[in-house]
Amino acid sequence: MDTKNILIGGAWPYANSDLHLGHIAGLISGDILARYYRAKGYNVMYVSGTDCHGTPITERAKKEKKNPKEIAMYYHERAKKTLESFDFSYDLYTYTDTEFHRTAVMKMFQKIYDNGYIYEKIEPQAYCEHCQKFLSDRELQITCPKCGQVTKAEQCDNCQYVPTIEDMKDGICLECGSKTILKDNKNLYLALSKFQKEIENYVAENNTLWRINAKNETTKYLKQGLVDRAVTRDLDWGVDIPVEGYENKKMYVWIEAVLGYITATMKRCEETGENWETYWKEEYHPTIYMVHGKDNIVFHSIIFNALLLAMKENYHLVNTIVSSEYLNINDEKISKSKGNGTPAIELVEKYGADSLRFHLINNGPEKKDSNFTIDALVATNNGELLNKFGNLVNRTLKFKELESIPEGKLDEEIKQKIEETYRAVAENIEKLEFKEASNLAMQLVEIANKYYDEQKPWIQKKEDLDGFNNTIYTCATIIANLANIFEPFMPSACKKIRNYLDIPEKSWSFVEPKAGLKLENIEPLFVRL
């Protein structure tokens, strides 16, 4: 990597429900990357926020007889609290209904329009005569022409077919149950097709680290040929369109949400006095990561890059798509109808952030759909974290009658193992192999426990005081470095260790504890579940 400027964008959760564990599993990669690169001394900007606009929020507002703003802000605060409880370290977690975001996005939209990449198009659209309004695809029910299932018109729930306008003829309005007609409507479209070649070339040059799902999905869309997409909607809740004649429409949520990565960076840099272009413009050679679930791939790999190109302002395109698969609960897809999408905040309050984080990283949907059960979480916590890592810390730093870290000699072979672990974990994090990185970190814990058992400090204390001092000092040194190595995965436990050992800063390099340091208030890192 030839850059010190890292932009990490976490997908924007919709403000229409609580975050469940599937959301956390899809987003946690961003926090791993942010914590790792900060420890390495890079300039990191890690941003996201709540997606407040679009039909899902207005649908929820109607059901609850509230206005969309109330719904959006309630779920924004819930999302923010949930992500904080999981120790996500965003530089800014904002929301799309701020005045700053609205103004900045409208300027970007205007720039794309002025550059000739947004144009007007009149075409038939589903219209409900009873409600007297044009319907979005989410407000319309159709029978899928491909598989025959009844589904919402945005995408078939059964076969993922994306309906055409013709398929929406004779649909049913989900609000009133009336049959719809097709009626001419004018909208603005993004000329996505104009960027086919540029995006093809860019993807080919940059997709070496992308997950298989990102490569396949992006390639599929590019092979089909990019199709121009509407950027306006018939809504009264959203970002205004800065084009004459479109005063009664709003910006399509996908365009303003992805541009939110830029507006969030701008806002954060306004607060800190940094130059936001450092993370976005070609001349600063940034590396840009986009972190999300597999259902969001094309919005980041194709559409967002097209918007960046369309502004013609020397934006650096997205380097790396970090796309997870789906997390199932008890072998079932998370769904509201099954009631298995327990709010993640309830689980973290019960089981703790570190245990859930480590389990989701180690057993999550990194490369394929994975399954979460409480039994498996308990096994990870009690077997890996408590019995291995927690036990190492406890029996070293709370050794009977040990008041301070002894003057001892560090085992050179162990030092070599520690340095090897830094290198191997770093290599795997940079390759987006987070599960393997966490396994390698845990292997160092196992090496430390094996060393401790072989040295038998409980015997050395009576028969070989120098040997005892060397053993405890060596184990304390391993623990100090584990606080660095595990930081991207389990930040709370690592913070405790740094406090115990008076290590003031996180870093990604070998550290040694101070001999003579008093060992006080050492508490267990993990509790038995």
Protein backbone atom coordinates (compact mmCIF):
# COMPACT_ATOMS: atom_id res chain seq x y z
CA MET A 1 0.00 0.00 0.00
CA ASP A 2 1.54 3.30 -1.10
CA THR A 3 -0.70 5.55 0.98
CA LYS A 4 -1.12 6.73 4.54
CA ASN A 5 -4.65 8.06 3.92
CA ILE A 6 -7.42 5.53 4.56
CA LEU A 7 -11.14 6.15 4.09
CA ILE A 8 -13.47 3.47 5.48
CA GLY A 9 -17.19 3.74 4.80
CA GLY A 10 -19.62 1.54 6.70
CA ALA A 11 -23.01 0.96 5.06
CA TRP A 12 -25.82 3.25 6.26
CA PRO A 13 -28.52 1.33 8.18
CA TYR A 14 -32.13 2.24 7.40
CA ALA A 15 -33.91 4.23 10.12
CA ASN A 16 -36.95 1.95 10.18
CA SER A 17 -36.00 -0.79 12.67
CA ASP A 18 -33.43 -1.80 15.29
CA LEU A 19 -30.09 -3.21 14.19
CA HIS A 20 -29.84 -6.98 14.57
CA LEU A 21 -26.73 -9.19 14.68
CA GLY A 22 -26.76 -9.56 10.88
CA HIS A 23 -26.12 -5.82 10.59
CA ILE A 24 -23.26 -6.00 13.09
CA ALA A 25 -21.71 -9.01 11.31
CA GLY A 26 -21.81 -7.09 8.01
CA LEU A 27 -20.32 -3.88 9.42
CA ILE A 28 -17.69 -5.07 11.91
CA SER A 29 -15.02 -5.43 9.19
CA GLY A 30 -14.89 -1.63 8.98
CA ASP A 31 -14.04 -1.30 12.66
CA ILE A 32 -11.32 -3.96 12.39
CA LEU A 33 -9.71 -2.05 9.52
CA ALA A 34 -10.04 1.34 11.25
CA ARG A 35 -8.50 0.16 14.53
CA TYR A 36 -5.70 -1.69 12.74
CA TYR A 37 -4.67 1.22 10.49
CA ARG A 38 -4.84 3.71 13.36
CA ALA A 39 -2.51 1.46 15.38
CA LYS A 40 -0.16 1.46 12.36
CA GLY A 41 -0.12 5.29 12.43
CA TYR A 42 -2.13 5.92 9.25
CA ASN A 43 -4.56 8.82 8.72
CA VAL A 44 -7.89 7.05 9.07
CA MET A 45 -11.36 8.45 8.39
CA TYR A 46 -14.08 5.99 9.38
CA VAL A 47 -17.59 7.26 8.66
CA SER A 48 -21.18 6.16 8.39
CA GLY A 49 -24.62 7.17 9.54
CA THR A 50 -28.30 6.40 9.51
CA ASP A 51 -30.19 6.45 6.21
CA CYS A 52 -33.23 8.55 7.11
CA HIS A 53 -35.01 8.87 3.76
CA GLY A 54 -36.82 6.58 1.34
CA THR A 55 -40.00 4.53 1.34
CA PRO A 56 -39.26 2.13 4.28
CA ILE A 57 -39.24 5.07 6.69
CA THR A 58 -42.45 6.60 5.29
CA GLU A 59 -44.12 3.18 5.43
CA ARG A 60 -43.22 2.80 9.10
CA ALA A 61 -44.37 6.35 9.85
CA LYS A 62 -47.80 5.65 8.31
CA LYS A 63 -48.20 2.47 10.33
CA GLU A 64 -47.32 4.22 13.58
CA LYS A 65 -49.24 7.41 12.70
CA LYS A 66 -46.11 9.54 13.14
CA ASN A 67 -44.16 11.78 10.81
CA PRO A 68 -41.07 10.36 9.05
CA LYS A 69 -38.71 12.66 10.98
CA GLU A 70 -39.85 11.18 14.32
CA ILE A 71 -39.32 7.63 13.07
CA ALA A 72 -35.93 8.46 11.53
CA MET A 73 -34.56 10.17 14.62
CA TYR A 74 -35.82 7.47 16.99
CA TYR A 75 -34.08 4.70 15.04
CA HIS A 76 -31.00 6.84 14.40
CA GLU A 77 -30.47 7.23 18.14
CA ARG A 78 -31.06 3.49 18.63
CA ALA A 79 -28.56 2.62 15.87
CA LYS A 80 -25.95 5.01 17.25
CA LYS A 81 -26.31 3.57 20.76
CA THR A 82 -26.12 0.00 19.41
CA LEU A 83 -22.95 0.62 17.43
CA GLU A 84 -21.33 2.42 20.37
CA SER A 85 -22.20 -0.52 22.63
CA PHE A 86 -20.33 -2.82 20.20
CA ASP A 87 -17.30 -0.47 20.42
CA PHE A 88 -17.48 0.70 16.81
CA SER A 89 -14.96 3.54 16.54
CA TYR A 90 -16.46 5.78 13.85
CA ASP A 91 -14.84 9.19 13.49
CA LEU A 92 -18.34 10.36 12.67
CA TYR A 93 -21.64 8.50 12.76
CA THR A 94 -24.17 10.98 11.40
CA TYR A 95 -27.53 10.81 9.59
CA THR A 96 -28.83 11.87 6.19
CA ASP A 97 -31.45 14.31 7.44
CA THR A 98 -28.94 16.96 8.53
CA GLU A 99 -28.88 20.34 6.82
CA PHE A 100 -25.16 19.86 6.10
CA HIS A 101 -25.78 16.60 4.21
CA ARG A 102 -28.77 17.96 2.29
CA THR A 103 -26.90 21.08 1.12
CA ALA A 104 -23.71 19.22 0.17
CA VAL A 105 -25.56 16.46 -1.71
CA MET A 106 -27.67 18.97 -3.65
CA LYS A 107 -24.45 20.70 -4.78
CA MET A 108 -23.00 17.37 -5.95
CA PHE A 109 -26.25 16.51 -7.74
CA GLN A 110 -26.18 19.91 -9.47
CA LYS A 111 -22.57 19.32 -10.55
CA ILE A 112 -23.48 15.94 -12.12
CA TYR A 113 -26.51 17.52 -13.82
CA ASP A 114 -24.40 20.42 -15.16
CA ASN A 115 -21.86 17.90 -16.51
CA GLY A 116 -24.61 16.30 -18.60
CA TYR A 117 -24.85 12.97 -16.79
CA ILE A 118 -28.40 13.50 -15.49
CA TYR A 119 -31.22 13.86 -18.00
CA GLU A 120 -35.02 13.95 -18.11
CA LYS A 121 -37.04 10.95 -19.22
CA ILE A 122 -40.81 10.49 -19.53
CA GLU A 123 -42.07 6.92 -19.17
CA PRO A 124 -44.99 4.94 -17.78
CA GLN A 125 -45.02 4.29 -14.03
CA ALA A 126 -47.41 2.50 -11.68
CA TYR A 127 -50.13 4.91 -10.56
CA CYS A 128 -52.86 4.40 -7.96
CA GLU A 129 -56.02 6.27 -8.95
CA HIS A 130 -57.52 5.77 -5.50
CA CYS A 131 -54.51 7.26 -3.64
CA GLN A 132 -53.88 9.65 -6.57
CA LYS A 133 -50.15 9.15 -6.61
CA PHE A 134 -47.31 7.41 -8.42
CA LEU A 135 -46.03 4.41 -6.50
CA SER A 136 -42.49 3.40 -5.70
CA ASP A 137 -41.57 -0.23 -6.32
CA ARG A 138 -41.76 -0.91 -2.56
CA GLU A 139 -45.36 0.34 -2.47
CA LEU A 140 -46.48 -2.06 -5.20
CA GLN A 141 -47.29 -5.77 -5.09
CA ILE A 142 -47.00 -7.87 -8.24
CA THR A 143 -46.84 -11.51 -9.29
CA CYS A 144 -43.26 -12.25 -10.34
CA PRO A 145 -43.27 -13.10 -14.08
CA LYS A 146 -40.24 -15.34 -13.60
CA CYS A 147 -41.28 -17.61 -10.70
CA GLY A 148 -44.95 -16.78 -10.09
CA GLN A 149 -44.51 -15.68 -6.47
CA VAL A 150 -46.40 -12.68 -5.08
CA THR A 151 -43.77 -10.07 -4.15
CA LYS A 152 -43.02 -6.39 -3.77
CA ALA A 153 -42.07 -4.84 -7.09
CA GLU A 154 -38.55 -3.73 -6.12
CA GLN A 155 -37.18 -7.29 -6.34
CA CYS A 156 -38.69 -10.75 -6.10
CA ASP A 157 -38.21 -12.11 -2.57
CA ASN A 158 -38.10 -15.65 -3.97
CA CYS A 159 -35.87 -15.54 -7.08
CA GLN A 160 -34.33 -12.01 -6.87
CA TYR A 161 -35.74 -11.08 -10.32
CA VAL A 162 -35.85 -7.28 -10.78
CA PRO A 163 -39.19 -6.37 -12.42
CA THR A 164 -39.46 -4.12 -15.46
CA ILE A 165 -42.02 -1.34 -15.88
CA GLU A 166 -44.13 -3.68 -18.01
CA ASP A 167 -44.18 -6.21 -15.15
CA MET A 168 -45.79 -3.59 -12.90
CA LYS A 169 -48.90 -3.37 -15.02
CA ASP A 170 -51.96 -4.55 -13.04
CA GLY A 171 -50.08 -4.39 -9.75
CA ILE A 172 -51.74 -3.86 -6.39
CA CYS A 173 -51.24 -0.70 -4.30
CA LEU A 174 -50.05 -1.90 -0.89
CA GLU A 175 -51.56 1.11 0.84
CA CYS A 176 -55.17 0.79 -0.31
CA GLY A 177 -55.35 -2.57 -2.15
CA SER A 178 -56.51 -1.03 -5.43
CA LYS A 179 -55.35 -2.23 -8.85
CA THR A 180 -52.85 0.17 -10.40
CA ILE A 181 -52.53 1.55 -13.90
CA LEU A 182 -49.49 2.70 -15.88
CA LYS A 183 -49.35 6.46 -16.39
CA ASP A 184 -46.66 8.69 -17.91
CA ASN A 185 -44.38 10.34 -15.37
CA LYS A 186 -41.23 12.42 -15.77
CA ASN A 187 -38.09 11.66 -13.84
CA LEU A 188 -34.41 12.49 -13.96
CA TYR A 189 -32.03 9.64 -14.81
CA LEU A 190 -28.32 9.06 -14.20
CA ALA A 191 -26.58 8.12 -17.45
CA LEU A 192 -24.94 5.10 -15.84
CA SER A 193 -24.39 3.45 -19.24
CA LYS A 194 -21.84 6.15 -20.14
CA PHE A 195 -19.45 4.80 -17.50
CA GLN A 196 -19.45 1.16 -18.62
CA LYS A 197 -15.90 1.11 -19.98
CA GLU A 198 -14.30 3.20 -17.23
CA ILE A 199 -15.84 1.12 -14.45
CA GLU A 200 -14.99 -2.16 -16.24
CA ASN A 201 -11.34 -1.11 -16.45
CA TYR A 202 -11.23 0.14 -12.89
CA VAL A 203 -12.82 -3.00 -11.47
CA ALA A 204 -10.37 -5.19 -13.41
CA GLU A 205 -7.43 -3.26 -11.93
CA ASN A 206 -8.68 -3.08 -8.35
CA ASN A 207 -10.64 -6.23 -7.53
CA THR A 208 -7.75 -8.47 -6.41
CA LEU A 209 -8.77 -8.19 -2.72
CA TRP A 210 -12.53 -8.18 -3.29
CA ARG A 211 -14.53 -11.07 -1.91
CA ILE A 212 -15.92 -13.57 -4.43
CA ASN A 213 -19.48 -12.28 -4.00
CA ALA A 214 -18.38 -8.72 -4.87
CA LYS A 215 -16.46 -9.87 -7.95
CA ASN A 216 -19.32 -12.04 -9.18
CA GLU A 217 -22.13 -9.55 -8.60
CA THR A 218 -20.21 -6.63 -10.12
CA THR A 219 -19.11 -8.71 -13.12
CA LYS A 220 -22.70 -9.88 -13.66
CA TYR A 221 -23.99 -6.30 -13.89
CA LEU A 222 -21.14 -5.20 -16.14
CA LYS A 223 -21.69 -8.17 -18.50
CA GLN A 224 -25.40 -7.36 -18.76
CA GLY A 225 -24.45 -3.77 -19.65
CA LEU A 226 -25.06 -0.84 -17.33
CA VAL A 227 -28.57 0.61 -17.51
CA ASP A 228 -29.41 4.25 -16.74
CA ARG A 229 -31.20 4.63 -13.39
CA ALA A 230 -33.82 7.07 -12.10
CA VAL A 231 -32.50 9.53 -9.52
CA THR A 232 -35.82 11.17 -8.59
CA ARG A 233 -38.84 9.84 -6.69
CA ASP A 234 -42.40 10.98 -6.11
CA LEU A 235 -42.02 11.47 -2.39
CA ASP A 236 -42.48 14.32 0.06
CA TRP A 237 -39.73 13.08 2.43
CA GLY A 238 -36.11 13.32 1.35
CA VAL A 239 -33.53 15.61 -0.20
CA ASP A 240 -34.84 18.24 -2.63
CA ILE A 241 -33.94 18.20 -6.33
CA PRO A 242 -32.04 21.37 -7.31
CA VAL A 243 -33.46 21.36 -10.85
CA GLU A 244 -36.34 23.54 -12.07
CA GLY A 245 -39.57 21.61 -12.66
CA TYR A 246 -38.75 18.97 -10.03
CA GLU A 247 -39.87 20.85 -6.94
CA ASN A 248 -42.41 18.12 -6.05
CA LYS A 249 -39.91 15.25 -6.20
CA LYS A 250 -37.09 14.06 -3.96
CA MET A 251 -33.69 12.51 -4.58
CA TYR A 252 -33.69 8.71 -4.87
CA VAL A 253 -32.34 7.43 -1.57
CA TRP A 254 -29.51 5.36 -3.05
CA ILE A 255 -27.83 8.36 -4.65
CA GLU A 256 -27.82 10.58 -1.58
CA ALA A 257 -26.95 7.76 0.84
CA VAL A 258 -23.72 6.77 -0.96
CA LEU A 259 -22.77 10.43 -1.39
CA GLY A 260 -23.13 10.56 2.40
CA TYR A 261 -19.66 9.01 2.73
CA ILE A 262 -18.29 12.23 1.27
CA THR A 263 -20.58 14.60 3.21
CA ALA A 264 -19.75 12.80 6.49
CA THR A 265 -16.02 13.20 5.74
CA MET A 266 -16.56 16.89 4.94
CA LYS A 267 -18.46 17.40 8.20
CA ARG A 268 -15.87 15.63 10.33
CA CYS A 269 -13.02 17.53 8.71
CA GLU A 270 -14.87 20.81 9.24
CA GLU A 271 -14.92 19.95 12.96
CA THR A 272 -11.24 18.92 13.15
CA GLY A 273 -9.71 21.42 10.73
CA GLU A 274 -8.51 18.68 8.34
CA ASN A 275 -8.74 18.82 4.56
CA TRP A 276 -11.51 16.38 3.53
CA GLU A 277 -9.97 15.99 0.06
CA THR A 278 -7.07 14.09 1.68
CA TYR A 279 -9.38 11.06 1.83
CA TRP A 280 -11.14 11.46 -1.51
CA LYS A 281 -9.05 13.16 -4.18
CA GLU A 282 -6.64 11.41 -6.52
CA GLU A 283 -3.66 13.63 -5.75
CA TYR A 284 -3.57 12.40 -2.13
CA HIS A 285 -3.53 8.71 -3.17
CA PRO A 286 -6.08 7.51 -0.60
CA THR A 287 -7.21 3.93 -0.17
CA ILE A 288 -11.00 3.64 0.07
CA TYR A 289 -12.80 0.69 1.68
CA MET A 290 -16.57 0.22 1.47
CA VAL A 291 -17.98 -2.22 4.06
CA HIS A 292 -21.48 -3.72 3.73
CA GLY A 293 -23.59 -6.83 3.17
CA LYS A 294 -23.82 -8.62 -0.17
CA ASP A 295 -27.15 -6.95 -1.01
CA ASN A 296 -25.35 -3.59 -1.25
CA ILE A 297 -22.46 -4.56 -3.53
CA VAL A 298 -23.52 -2.92 -6.81
CA PHE A 299 -24.40 0.39 -5.12
CA HIS A 300 -20.78 0.69 -3.99
CA SER A 301 -18.79 -1.03 -6.74
CA ILE A 302 -20.67 0.47 -9.71
CA ILE A 303 -23.16 3.24 -8.88
CA PHE A 304 -21.05 5.12 -6.32
CA ASN A 305 -18.02 4.99 -8.61
CA ALA A 306 -20.16 6.31 -11.48
CA LEU A 307 -21.28 9.26 -9.33
CA LEU A 308 -17.64 10.00 -8.43
CA LEU A 309 -16.69 9.94 -12.11
CA ALA A 310 -19.69 12.06 -13.08
CA MET A 311 -18.60 14.95 -10.84
CA LYS A 312 -15.36 15.28 -12.87
CA GLU A 313 -13.50 16.59 -9.82
CA ASN A 314 -10.63 14.10 -9.70
CA TYR A 315 -12.18 11.81 -7.12
CA HIS A 316 -10.35 8.60 -6.28
CA LEU A 317 -12.60 5.61 -6.90
CA VAL A 318 -13.39 2.86 -4.38
CA ASN A 319 -10.42 0.50 -4.11
CA THR A 320 -11.83 -2.30 -2.03
CA ILE A 321 -15.30 -3.75 -1.58
CA VAL A 322 -15.58 -5.56 1.77
CA SER A 323 -18.87 -7.44 1.36
CA SER A 324 -20.08 -10.05 3.82
CA GLU A 325 -22.58 -12.83 3.24
CA TYR A 326 -25.69 -13.29 5.43
CA LEU A 327 -25.89 -14.27 9.08
CA ASN A 328 -28.67 -16.71 9.95
CA ILE A 329 -30.07 -17.20 13.45
CA ASN A 330 -30.66 -20.81 14.59
CA ASP A 331 -30.45 -21.97 10.95
CA GLU A 332 -33.13 -19.51 9.80
CA LYS A 333 -32.85 -16.33 7.77
CA ILE A 334 -33.36 -13.26 9.96
CA SER A 335 -36.86 -11.94 9.30
CA LYS A 336 -39.48 -9.84 11.03
CA SER A 337 -42.20 -12.41 10.35
CA LYS A 338 -40.21 -15.13 12.17
CA GLY A 339 -39.39 -12.70 14.97
CA ASN A 340 -35.77 -13.90 15.16
CA GLY A 341 -34.12 -10.53 14.60
CA THR A 342 -33.50 -9.79 18.28
CA PRO A 343 -32.19 -6.22 18.62
CA ALA A 344 -28.40 -6.43 18.79
CA ILE A 345 -28.34 -3.99 21.69
CA GLU A 346 -30.22 -6.49 23.87
CA LEU A 347 -27.65 -9.19 23.09
CA VAL A 348 -24.63 -6.98 23.78
CA GLU A 349 -26.11 -5.88 27.10
CA LYS A 350 -26.50 -9.53 28.08
CA TYR A 351 -23.35 -11.13 26.65
CA GLY A 352 -20.80 -8.29 26.29
CA ALA A 353 -19.22 -6.60 23.28
CA ASP A 354 -15.90 -8.47 23.20
CA SER A 355 -17.46 -11.93 23.27
CA LEU A 356 -19.96 -11.08 20.53
CA ARG A 357 -17.37 -9.28 18.41
CA PHE A 358 -14.85 -12.12 18.58
CA HIS A 359 -17.51 -14.74 17.91
CA LEU A 360 -18.92 -12.86 14.90
CA ILE A 361 -15.43 -12.34 13.47
CA ASN A 362 -14.41 -15.94 14.08
CA ASN A 363 -17.69 -17.57 13.05
CA GLY A 364 -19.33 -14.89 10.92
CA PRO A 365 -20.40 -14.60 7.27
CA GLU A 366 -17.00 -13.53 5.92
CA LYS A 367 -17.10 -15.74 2.82
CA LYS A 368 -20.33 -17.72 3.12
CA ASP A 369 -23.62 -17.52 4.98
CA SER A 370 -23.06 -18.47 8.61
CA ASN A 371 -25.26 -19.46 11.52
CA PHE A 372 -25.45 -17.85 14.95
CA THR A 373 -26.65 -19.66 18.07
CA ILE A 374 -26.35 -18.70 21.72
CA ASP A 375 -24.81 -22.14 22.43
CA ALA A 376 -22.01 -21.44 19.94
CA LEU A 377 -21.41 -17.99 21.44
CA VAL A 378 -21.19 -19.50 24.93
CA ALA A 379 -18.71 -22.12 23.66
CA THR A 380 -16.51 -19.41 22.09
CA ASN A 381 -16.60 -17.27 25.23
CA ASN A 382 -15.98 -20.02 27.76
CA GLY A 383 -13.61 -22.13 25.66
CA GLU A 384 -11.52 -19.61 23.75
CA LEU A 385 -11.75 -16.31 25.58
CA LEU A 386 -12.19 -17.25 29.23
CA ASN A 387 -10.24 -20.52 29.46
CA LYS A 388 -7.37 -19.49 27.17
CA PHE A 389 -6.92 -15.70 27.00
CA GLY A 390 -8.55 -14.73 30.32
CA ASN A 391 -6.80 -17.56 32.15
CA LEU A 392 -3.38 -16.52 30.82
CA VAL A 393 -3.85 -12.94 32.02
CA ASN A 394 -5.27 -14.01 35.38
CA ARG A 395 -2.66 -16.59 36.31
CA THR A 396 0.22 -14.36 35.21
CA LEU A 397 -0.77 -10.97 36.61
CA LYS A 398 -2.55 -12.34 39.71
CA PHE A 399 0.06 -14.93 40.63
CA LYS A 400 -0.06 -15.55 44.37
CA GLU A 401 1.90 -12.93 46.35
CA LEU A 402 3.10 -11.22 43.14
CA GLU A 403 2.91 -7.47 43.76
CA SER A 404 4.75 -6.13 40.70
CA ILE A 405 6.24 -7.21 37.40
CA PRO A 406 9.61 -8.77 38.26
CA GLU A 407 12.98 -7.88 36.79
CA GLY A 408 13.30 -10.74 34.37
CA LYS A 409 14.85 -11.76 31.08
CA LEU A 410 12.60 -12.08 28.02
CA ASP A 411 12.73 -15.46 26.29
CA GLU A 412 14.14 -14.70 22.83
CA GLU A 413 12.20 -17.47 21.12
CA ILE A 414 8.97 -16.03 22.53
CA LYS A 415 9.94 -12.54 21.36
CA GLN A 416 10.38 -13.97 17.87
CA LYS A 417 6.92 -15.61 18.06
CA ILE A 418 5.37 -12.29 19.09
CA GLU A 419 6.96 -10.44 16.16
CA GLU A 420 5.91 -13.22 13.76
CA THR A 421 2.32 -12.88 15.04
CA TYR A 422 2.29 -9.13 14.40
CA ARG A 423 3.40 -9.76 10.82
CA ALA A 424 0.98 -12.63 10.17
CA VAL A 425 -2.08 -10.93 11.71
CA ALA A 426 -1.29 -7.71 9.81
CA GLU A 427 -0.94 -9.58 6.53
CA ASN A 428 -4.30 -11.28 7.00
CA ILE A 429 -6.13 -8.11 8.04
CA GLU A 430 -4.81 -6.35 4.93
CA LYS A 431 -5.98 -9.34 2.84
CA LEU A 432 -9.44 -9.02 4.53
CA GLU A 433 -8.98 -12.48 6.08
CA PHE A 434 -10.30 -11.41 9.47
CA LYS A 435 -11.24 -14.88 10.71
CA GLU A 436 -7.74 -16.17 10.00
CA ALA A 437 -6.22 -13.06 11.62
CA SER A 438 -8.19 -13.66 14.82
CA ASN A 439 -7.16 -17.35 14.80
CA LEU A 440 -3.49 -16.38 14.50
CA ALA A 441 -3.84 -13.98 17.44
CA MET A 442 -5.39 -16.78 19.52
CA GLN A 443 -2.50 -19.09 18.56
CA LEU A 444 -0.14 -16.71 20.38
CA VAL A 445 -2.33 -17.11 23.49
CA GLU A 446 -1.97 -20.89 23.15
CA ILE A 447 1.81 -20.59 22.75
CA ALA A 448 1.90 -18.46 25.92
CA ASN A 449 -0.16 -20.95 27.93
CA LYS A 450 2.02 -23.83 26.75
CA TYR A 451 5.18 -21.89 27.74
CA TYR A 452 3.69 -21.10 31.16
CA ASP A 453 2.78 -24.75 31.79
CA GLU A 454 6.21 -25.99 30.69
CA GLN A 455 8.08 -23.48 32.90
CA LYS A 456 5.94 -24.35 35.98
CA PRO A 457 6.31 -20.97 37.74
CA TRP A 458 4.53 -22.35 40.83
CA ILE A 459 7.57 -24.62 41.30
CA GLN A 460 10.12 -22.03 40.09
CA LYS A 461 8.88 -19.61 42.78
CA LYS A 462 10.19 -22.00 45.45
CA GLU A 463 13.23 -23.50 43.70
CA ASP A 464 14.48 -21.08 41.00
CA LEU A 465 13.62 -17.40 41.62
CA ASP A 466 15.50 -16.16 38.53
CA GLY A 467 13.64 -18.67 36.38
CA PHE A 468 10.35 -17.57 37.97
CA ASN A 469 11.12 -13.89 37.25
CA ASN A 470 11.97 -14.73 33.63
CA THR A 471 8.76 -16.72 33.16
CA ILE A 472 6.44 -14.07 34.62
CA TYR A 473 8.22 -11.24 32.76
CA THR A 474 8.02 -13.17 29.46
CA CYS A 475 4.32 -13.93 29.96
CA ALA A 476 3.60 -10.31 30.93
CA THR A 477 5.36 -9.22 27.72
CA ILE A 478 3.18 -11.57 25.64
CA ILE A 479 0.08 -10.14 27.35
CA ALA A 480 1.21 -6.56 26.66
CA ASN A 481 1.57 -7.38 22.97
CA LEU A 482 -1.71 -9.29 22.86
CA ALA A 483 -3.34 -5.99 23.89
CA ASN A 484 -2.07 -4.53 20.60
CA ILE A 485 -2.74 -7.58 18.45
CA PHE A 486 -6.30 -8.16 19.72
CA GLU A 487 -7.20 -4.44 19.62
CA PRO A 488 -9.01 -4.62 16.23
CA PHE A 489 -11.09 -7.55 17.48
CA MET A 490 -11.74 -7.02 21.22
CA PRO A 491 -10.99 -3.39 22.12
CA SER A 492 -12.52 -3.40 25.63
CA ALA A 493 -10.40 -6.31 26.90
CA CYS A 494 -7.29 -4.75 25.32
CA LYS A 495 -7.97 -1.42 27.01
CA LYS A 496 -8.13 -3.22 30.39
CA ILE A 497 -4.76 -4.88 29.75
CA ARG A 498 -3.16 -1.59 28.75
CA ASN A 499 -4.45 -0.07 31.99
CA TYR A 500 -3.08 -2.99 34.05
CA LEU A 501 0.34 -2.73 32.40
CA ASP A 502 0.47 1.07 32.07
CA ILE A 503 0.79 0.99 28.28
CA PRO A 504 -0.40 4.48 27.27
CA GLU A 505 -0.94 4.01 23.54
CA LYS A 506 -2.15 1.44 21.03
CA SER A 507 0.49 0.57 18.46
CA TRP A 508 1.30 -2.16 15.98
CA SER A 509 4.81 -2.89 17.21
CA PHE A 510 6.55 -4.83 19.95
CA VAL A 511 6.18 -3.43 23.47
CA GLU A 512 7.61 -4.46 26.83
CA PRO A 513 6.03 -3.82 30.23
CA LYS A 514 8.02 -1.93 32.87
CA ALA A 515 9.78 -4.13 35.43
CA GLY A 516 8.76 -3.07 38.92
CA LEU A 517 5.28 -1.93 37.79
CA LYS A 518 2.79 -2.51 40.60
CA LEU A 519 0.04 -4.97 39.69
CA GLU A 520 -3.17 -3.62 41.18
CA ASN A 521 -6.90 -4.09 40.64
CA ILE A 522 -6.46 -6.96 38.18
CA GLU A 523 -9.93 -8.20 37.30
CA PRO A 524 -10.98 -11.07 35.01
CA LEU A 525 -11.10 -10.08 31.33
CA PHE A 526 -14.12 -12.29 30.65
CA VAL A 527 -16.95 -13.80 32.65
CA ARG A 528 -18.29 -17.32 32.28
CA LEU A 529 -21.51 -17.44 30.29
